[in-house]
Amino acid sequence: MNKPIAIETGAVVRLRKPHPCGGYEWTVVRLGADIGIECNTCQKRVLLPRREFEKRLKKILSSPTSTP
């Protein structure tokens, strides 16, 4: 069993495949057993099981606690 990825609400992430609108970047809006994400291009919200989210995750672009 793998350790869950440390992710926070407000983090901007890039997924492996684009959303149908063409956007790759998403903002995390909900955490739990399911992860809620919102497309930064069209503002569509999607709820993914944590395991599916971790499979699709390519990169964490920014975190709300990281300093620019």
PDB file of N, CA and C in Angstrom:
ATOM      1  N   MET A   1       0.847  -1.188   0.000  1.00  0.00           N
ATOM      2  CA  MET A   1       0.000   0.000   0.000  1.00  0.00           C
ATOM      3  C   MET A   1       0.885   1.242   0.000  1.00  0.00           C
ATOM      4  N   ASN A   2       0.661   2.119  -0.952  1.00  0.00           N
ATOM      5  CA  ASN A   2       1.462   3.331  -1.066  1.00  0.00           C
ATOM      6  C   ASN A   2       0.937   4.416  -0.146  1.00  0.00           C
ATOM      7  N   LYS A   3       1.854   5.285   0.279  1.00  0.00           N
ATOM      8  CA  LYS A   3       1.485   6.429   1.098  1.00  0.00           C
ATOM      9  C   LYS A   3       0.789   7.460   0.211  1.00  0.00           C
ATOM     10  N   PRO A   4      -0.327   8.052   0.663  1.00  0.00           N
ATOM     11  CA  PRO A   4      -1.025   9.041  -0.165  1.00  0.00           C
ATOM     12  C   PRO A   4      -0.137  10.267  -0.429  1.00  0.00           C
ATOM     13  N   ILE A   5      -0.333  10.878  -1.574  1.00  0.00           N
ATOM     14  CA  ILE A   5       0.401  12.086  -1.930  1.00  0.00           C
ATOM     15  C   ILE A   5      -0.073  13.231  -1.042  1.00  0.00           C
ATOM     16  N   ALA A   6       0.867  14.029  -0.547  1.00  0.00           N
ATOM     17  CA  ALA A   6       0.522  15.185   0.289  1.00  0.00           C
ATOM     18  C   ALA A   6       0.024  16.309  -0.616  1.00  0.00           C
ATOM     19  N   ILE A   7      -1.250  16.581  -0.563  1.00  0.00           N
ATOM     20  CA  ILE A   7      -1.878  17.619  -1.391  1.00  0.00           C
ATOM     21  C   ILE A   7      -2.731  18.484  -0.480  1.00  0.00           C
ATOM     22  N   GLU A   8      -2.854  19.766  -0.800  1.00  0.00           N
ATOM     23  CA  GLU A   8      -3.635  20.685   0.016  1.00  0.00           C
ATOM     24  C   GLU A   8      -4.700  21.361  -0.835  1.00  0.00           C
ATOM     25  N   THR A   9      -5.757  21.817  -0.180  1.00  0.00           N
ATOM     26  CA  THR A   9      -6.785  22.586  -0.868  1.00  0.00           C
ATOM     27  C   THR A   9      -6.158  23.880  -1.369  1.00  0.00           C
ATOM     28  N   GLY A  10      -6.449  24.233  -2.602  1.00  0.00           N
ATOM     29  CA  GLY A  10      -5.889  25.443  -3.200  1.00  0.00           C
ATOM     30  C   GLY A  10      -4.667  25.185  -4.059  1.00  0.00           C
ATOM     31  N   ALA A  11      -4.148  23.950  -4.035  1.00  0.00           N
ATOM     32  CA  ALA A  11      -2.986  23.608  -4.854  1.00  0.00           C
ATOM     33  C   ALA A  11      -3.389  23.561  -6.329  1.00  0.00           C
ATOM     34  N   VAL A  12      -2.461  23.972  -7.191  1.00  0.00           N
ATOM     35  CA  VAL A  12      -2.685  23.900  -8.639  1.00  0.00           C
ATOM     36  C   VAL A  12      -1.898  22.705  -9.151  1.00  0.00           C
ATOM     37  N   VAL A  13      -2.579  21.804  -9.857  1.00  0.00           N
ATOM     38  CA  VAL A  13      -1.951  20.573 -10.339  1.00  0.00           C
ATOM     39  C   VAL A  13      -2.115  20.435 -11.845  1.00  0.00           C
ATOM     40  N   ARG A  14      -1.234  19.635 -12.449  1.00  0.00           N
ATOM     41  CA  ARG A  14      -1.329  19.306 -13.879  1.00  0.00           C
ATOM     42  C   ARG A  14      -1.607  17.816 -13.975  1.00  0.00           C
ATOM     43  N   LEU A  15      -2.639  17.460 -14.778  1.00  0.00           N
ATOM     44  CA  LEU A  15      -2.979  16.058 -14.990  1.00  0.00           C
ATOM     45  C   LEU A  15      -2.384  15.581 -16.309  1.00  0.00           C
ATOM     46  N   ARG A  16      -2.324  14.266 -16.482  1.00  0.00           N
ATOM     47  CA  ARG A  16      -1.685  13.674 -17.670  1.00  0.00           C
ATOM     48  C   ARG A  16      -2.418  13.963 -18.976  1.00  0.00           C
ATOM     49  N   LYS A  17      -3.735  13.942 -18.940  1.00  0.00           N
ATOM     50  CA  LYS A  17      -4.523  14.174 -20.153  1.00  0.00           C
ATOM     51  C   LYS A  17      -5.290  15.490 -20.006  1.00  0.00           C
ATOM     52  N   PRO A  18      -5.510  16.184 -21.118  1.00  0.00           N
ATOM     53  CA  PRO A  18      -6.255  17.452 -21.017  1.00  0.00           C
ATOM     54  C   PRO A  18      -7.752  17.221 -20.799  1.00  0.00           C
ATOM     55  N   HIS A  19      -8.390  18.216 -20.226  1.00  0.00           N
ATOM     56  CA  HIS A  19      -9.838  18.250 -20.104  1.00  0.00           C
ATOM     57  C   HIS A  19     -10.391  18.481 -21.513  1.00  0.00           C
ATOM     58  N   PRO A  20     -11.618  18.089 -21.829  1.00  0.00           N
ATOM     59  CA  PRO A  20     -12.162  18.327 -23.174  1.00  0.00           C
ATOM     60  C   PRO A  20     -12.109  19.794 -23.623  1.00  0.00           C
ATOM     61  N   CYS A  21     -12.058  20.739 -22.682  1.00  0.00           N
ATOM     62  CA  CYS A  21     -11.958  22.155 -23.048  1.00  0.00           C
ATOM     63  C   CYS A  21     -10.540  22.528 -23.474  1.00  0.00           C
ATOM     64  N   GLY A  22      -9.571  21.623 -23.246  1.00  0.00           N
ATOM     65  CA  GLY A  22      -8.189  21.875 -23.632  1.00  0.00           C
ATOM     66  C   GLY A  22      -7.278  22.225 -22.477  1.00  0.00           C
ATOM     67  N   GLY A  23      -7.814  22.392 -21.267  1.00  0.00           N
ATOM     68  CA  GLY A  23      -7.016  22.793 -20.108  1.00  0.00           C
ATOM     69  C   GLY A  23      -6.335  21.609 -19.430  1.00  0.00           C
ATOM     70  N   TYR A  24      -5.089  21.822 -19.024  1.00  0.00           N
ATOM     71  CA  TYR A  24      -4.337  20.811 -18.275  1.00  0.00           C
ATOM     72  C   TYR A  24      -4.286  21.122 -16.777  1.00  0.00           C
ATOM     73  N   GLU A  25      -4.459  22.373 -16.400  1.00  0.00           N
ATOM     74  CA  GLU A  25      -4.258  22.788 -15.011  1.00  0.00           C
ATOM     75  C   GLU A  25      -5.567  22.830 -14.239  1.00  0.00           C
ATOM     76  N   TRP A  26      -5.499  22.317 -13.003  1.00  0.00           N
ATOM     77  CA  TRP A  26      -6.656  22.199 -12.131  1.00  0.00           C
ATOM     78  C   TRP A  26      -6.314  22.735 -10.750  1.00  0.00           C
ATOM     79  N   THR A  27      -7.318  23.236 -10.027  1.00  0.00           N
ATOM     80  CA  THR A  27      -7.162  23.676  -8.648  1.00  0.00           C
ATOM     81  C   THR A  27      -7.906  22.690  -7.759  1.00  0.00           C
ATOM     82  N   VAL A  28      -7.250  22.252  -6.678  1.00  0.00           N
ATOM     83  CA  VAL A  28      -7.863  21.315  -5.725  1.00  0.00           C
ATOM     84  C   VAL A  28      -8.822  22.112  -4.833  1.00  0.00           C
ATOM     85  N   VAL A  29     -10.096  21.692  -4.795  1.00  0.00           N
ATOM     86  CA  VAL A  29     -11.113  22.408  -4.014  1.00  0.00           C
ATOM     87  C   VAL A  29     -11.681  21.572  -2.871  1.00  0.00           C
ATOM     88  N   ARG A  30     -11.409  20.263  -2.851  1.00  0.00           N
ATOM     89  CA  ARG A  30     -11.956  19.390  -1.801  1.00  0.00           C
ATOM     90  C   ARG A  30     -11.010  18.220  -1.585  1.00  0.00           C
ATOM     91  N   LEU A  31     -10.808  17.858  -0.324  1.00  0.00           N
ATOM     92  CA  LEU A  31      -9.971  16.706   0.021  1.00  0.00           C
ATOM     93  C   LEU A  31     -10.769  15.721   0.843  1.00  0.00           C
ATOM     94  N   GLY A  32     -10.344  14.481   0.811  1.00  0.00           N
ATOM     95  CA  GLY A  32     -10.993  13.407   1.551  1.00  0.00           C
ATOM     96  C   GLY A  32     -10.718  12.108   0.833  1.00  0.00           C
ATOM     97  N   ALA A  33     -11.640  11.158   0.931  1.00  0.00           N
ATOM     98  CA  ALA A  33     -11.497   9.917   0.169  1.00  0.00           C
ATOM     99  C   ALA A  33     -11.594  10.234  -1.317  1.00  0.00           C
ATOM    100  N   ASP A  34     -12.376  11.253  -1.653  1.00  0.00           N
ATOM    101  CA  ASP A  34     -12.472  11.761  -3.018  1.00  0.00           C
ATOM    102  C   ASP A  34     -11.798  13.130  -3.065  1.00  0.00           C
ATOM    103  N   ILE A  35     -11.212  13.449  -4.208  1.00  0.00           N
ATOM    104  CA  ILE A  35     -10.556  14.738  -4.409  1.00  0.00           C
ATOM    105  C   ILE A  35     -11.403  15.550  -5.377  1.00  0.00           C
ATOM    106  N   GLY A  36     -11.791  16.755  -4.978  1.00  0.00           N
ATOM    107  CA  GLY A  36     -12.542  17.650  -5.852  1.00  0.00           C
ATOM    108  C   GLY A  36     -11.569  18.596  -6.538  1.00  0.00           C
ATOM    109  N   ILE A  37     -11.660  18.679  -7.868  1.00  0.00           N
ATOM    110  CA  ILE A  37     -10.786  19.572  -8.623  1.00  0.00           C
ATOM    111  C   ILE A  37     -11.630  20.437  -9.557  1.00  0.00           C
ATOM    112  N   GLU A  38     -11.109  21.637  -9.854  1.00  0.00           N
ATOM    113  CA  GLU A  38     -11.801  22.574 -10.730  1.00  0.00           C
ATOM    114  C   GLU A  38     -10.872  22.963 -11.861  1.00  0.00           C
ATOM    115  N   CYS A  39     -11.345  22.850 -13.098  1.00  0.00           N
ATOM    116  CA  CYS A  39     -10.551  23.200 -14.272  1.00  0.00           C
ATOM    117  C   CYS A  39     -10.284  24.703 -14.265  1.00  0.00           C
ATOM    118  N   ASN A  40      -9.022  25.093 -14.453  1.00  0.00           N
ATOM    119  CA  ASN A  40      -8.672  26.515 -14.456  1.00  0.00           C
ATOM    120  C   ASN A  40      -9.076  27.200 -15.760  1.00  0.00           C
ATOM    121  N   THR A  41      -9.425  26.437 -16.789  1.00  0.00           N
ATOM    122  CA  THR A  41      -9.815  27.015 -18.074  1.00  0.00           C
ATOM    123  C   THR A  41     -11.321  27.280 -18.140  1.00  0.00           C
ATOM    124  N   CYS A  42     -12.127  26.275 -17.786  1.00  0.00           N
ATOM    125  CA  CYS A  42     -13.587  26.413 -17.938  1.00  0.00           C
ATOM    126  C   CYS A  42     -14.352  26.393 -16.609  1.00  0.00           C
ATOM    127  N   GLN A  43     -13.678  26.232 -15.479  1.00  0.00           N
ATOM    128  CA  GLN A  43     -14.261  26.208 -14.131  1.00  0.00           C
ATOM    129  C   GLN A  43     -15.218  25.044 -13.887  1.00  0.00           C
ATOM    130  N   LYS A  44     -15.128  23.978 -14.669  1.00  0.00           N
ATOM    131  CA  LYS A  44     -15.912  22.752 -14.442  1.00  0.00           C
ATOM    132  C   LYS A  44     -15.328  22.021 -13.239  1.00  0.00           C
ATOM    133  N   ARG A  45     -16.176  21.542 -12.344  1.00  0.00           N
ATOM    134  CA  ARG A  45     -15.713  20.800 -11.165  1.00  0.00           C
ATOM    135  C   ARG A  45     -15.924  19.312 -11.365  1.00  0.00           C
ATOM    136  N   VAL A  46     -14.922  18.532 -10.922  1.00  0.00           N
ATOM    137  CA  VAL A  46     -14.951  17.076 -11.061  1.00  0.00           C
ATOM    138  C   VAL A  46     -14.551  16.477  -9.720  1.00  0.00           C
ATOM    139  N   LEU A  47     -15.175  15.366  -9.358  1.00  0.00           N
ATOM    140  CA  LEU A  47     -14.848  14.647  -8.140  1.00  0.00           C
ATOM    141  C   LEU A  47     -14.249  13.306  -8.536  1.00  0.00           C
ATOM    142  N   LEU A  48     -12.994  13.061  -8.124  1.00  0.00           N
ATOM    143  CA  LEU A  48     -12.293  11.815  -8.455  1.00  0.00           C
ATOM    144  C   LEU A  48     -11.945  11.061  -7.180  1.00  0.00           C
ATOM    145  N   PRO A  49     -12.036   9.737  -7.195  1.00  0.00           N
ATOM    146  CA  PRO A  49     -11.511   8.970  -6.071  1.00  0.00           C
ATOM    147  C   PRO A  49     -10.017   9.251  -5.931  1.00  0.00           C
ATOM    148  N   ARG A  50      -9.511   9.249  -4.703  1.00  0.00           N
ATOM    149  CA  ARG A  50      -8.102   9.587  -4.450  1.00  0.00           C
ATOM    150  C   ARG A  50      -7.154   8.733  -5.293  1.00  0.00           C
ATOM    151  N   ARG A  51      -7.413   7.457  -5.401  1.00  0.00           N
ATOM    152  CA  ARG A  51      -6.542   6.561  -6.171  1.00  0.00           C
ATOM    153  C   ARG A  51      -6.486   6.974  -7.644  1.00  0.00           C
ATOM    154  N   GLU A  52      -7.642   7.304  -8.219  1.00  0.00           N
ATOM    155  CA  GLU A  52      -7.704   7.739  -9.611  1.00  0.00           C
ATOM    156  C   GLU A  52      -6.982   9.075  -9.794  1.00  0.00           C
ATOM    157  N   PHE A  53      -7.167   9.991  -8.849  1.00  0.00           N
ATOM    158  CA  PHE A  53      -6.480  11.291  -8.904  1.00  0.00           C
ATOM    159  C   PHE A  53      -4.962  11.099  -8.897  1.00  0.00           C
ATOM    160  N   GLU A  54      -4.470  10.217  -8.020  1.00  0.00           N
ATOM    161  CA  GLU A  54      -3.027   9.985  -7.924  1.00  0.00           C
ATOM    162  C   GLU A  54      -2.472   9.342  -9.197  1.00  0.00           C
ATOM    163  N   LYS A  55      -3.271   8.520  -9.880  1.00  0.00           N
ATOM    164  CA  LYS A  55      -2.843   7.931 -11.154  1.00  0.00           C
ATOM    165  C   LYS A  55      -2.735   9.001 -12.242  1.00  0.00           C
ATOM    166  N   ARG A  56      -3.704   9.922 -12.271  1.00  0.00           N
ATOM    167  CA  ARG A  56      -3.763  10.942 -13.310  1.00  0.00           C
ATOM    168  C   ARG A  56      -2.819  12.119 -13.063  1.00  0.00           C
ATOM    169  N   LEU A  57      -2.374  12.296 -11.826  1.00  0.00           N
ATOM    170  CA  LEU A  57      -1.522  13.437 -11.473  1.00  0.00           C
ATOM    171  C   LEU A  57      -0.170  13.342 -12.160  1.00  0.00           C
ATOM    172  N   LYS A  58       0.230  14.428 -12.806  1.00  0.00           N
ATOM    173  CA  LYS A  58       1.541  14.495 -13.437  1.00  0.00           C
ATOM    174  C   LYS A  58       2.493  15.345 -12.603  1.00  0.00           C
ATOM    175  N   LYS A  59       2.005  16.498 -12.112  1.00  0.00           N
ATOM    176  CA  LYS A  59       2.885  17.426 -11.399  1.00  0.00           C
ATOM    177  C   LYS A  59       2.057  18.369 -10.527  1.00  0.00           C
ATOM    178  N   ILE A  60       2.593  18.716  -9.349  1.00  0.00           N
ATOM    179  CA  ILE A  60       1.993  19.747  -8.507  1.00  0.00           C
ATOM    180  C   ILE A  60       2.692  21.047  -8.885  1.00  0.00           C
ATOM    181  N   LEU A  61       1.961  21.989  -9.472  1.00  0.00           N
ATOM    182  CA  LEU A  61       2.554  23.227  -9.965  1.00  0.00           C
ATOM    183  C   LEU A  61       2.773  24.255  -8.861  1.00  0.00           C
ATOM    184  N   SER A  62       1.805  24.393  -7.960  1.00  0.00           N
ATOM    185  CA  SER A  62       1.961  25.310  -6.852  1.00  0.00           C
ATOM    186  C   SER A  62       1.116  24.844  -5.674  1.00  0.00           C
ATOM    187  N   SER A  63       1.586  25.191  -4.487  1.00  0.00           N
ATOM    188  CA  SER A  63       0.904  24.821  -3.269  1.00  0.00           C
ATOM    189  C   SER A  63       0.589  26.120  -2.501  1.00  0.00           C
ATOM    190  N   PRO A  64      -0.529  26.189  -1.795  1.00  0.00           N
ATOM    191  CA  PRO A  64      -0.859  27.436  -1.101  1.00  0.00           C
ATOM    192  C   PRO A  64       0.141  27.792   0.003  1.00  0.00           C
ATOM    193  N   THR A  65       0.890  26.817   0.525  1.00  0.00           N
ATOM    194  CA  THR A  65       1.858  27.120   1.590  1.00  0.00           C
ATOM    195  C   THR A  65       3.251  27.403   1.053  1.00  0.00           C
ATOM    196  N   SER A  66       3.494  27.164  -0.267  1.00  0.00           N
ATOM    197  CA  SER A  66       4.811  27.428  -0.828  1.00  0.00           C
ATOM    198  C   SER A  66       4.984  28.918  -1.077  1.00  0.00           C
ATOM    199  N   THR A  67       6.204  29.397  -0.911  1.00  0.00           N
ATOM    200  CA  THR A  67       6.481  30.815  -1.141  1.00  0.00           C
ATOM    201  C   THR A  67       6.952  31.018  -2.566  1.00  0.00           C
ATOM    202  N   PRO A  68       6.470  32.064  -3.238  1.00  0.00           N
ATOM    203  CA  PRO A  68       6.851  32.274  -4.637  1.00  0.00           C
ATOM    204  C   PRO A  68       8.280  32.725  -4.823  1.00  0.00           C
TER     205      PRO A  68
END
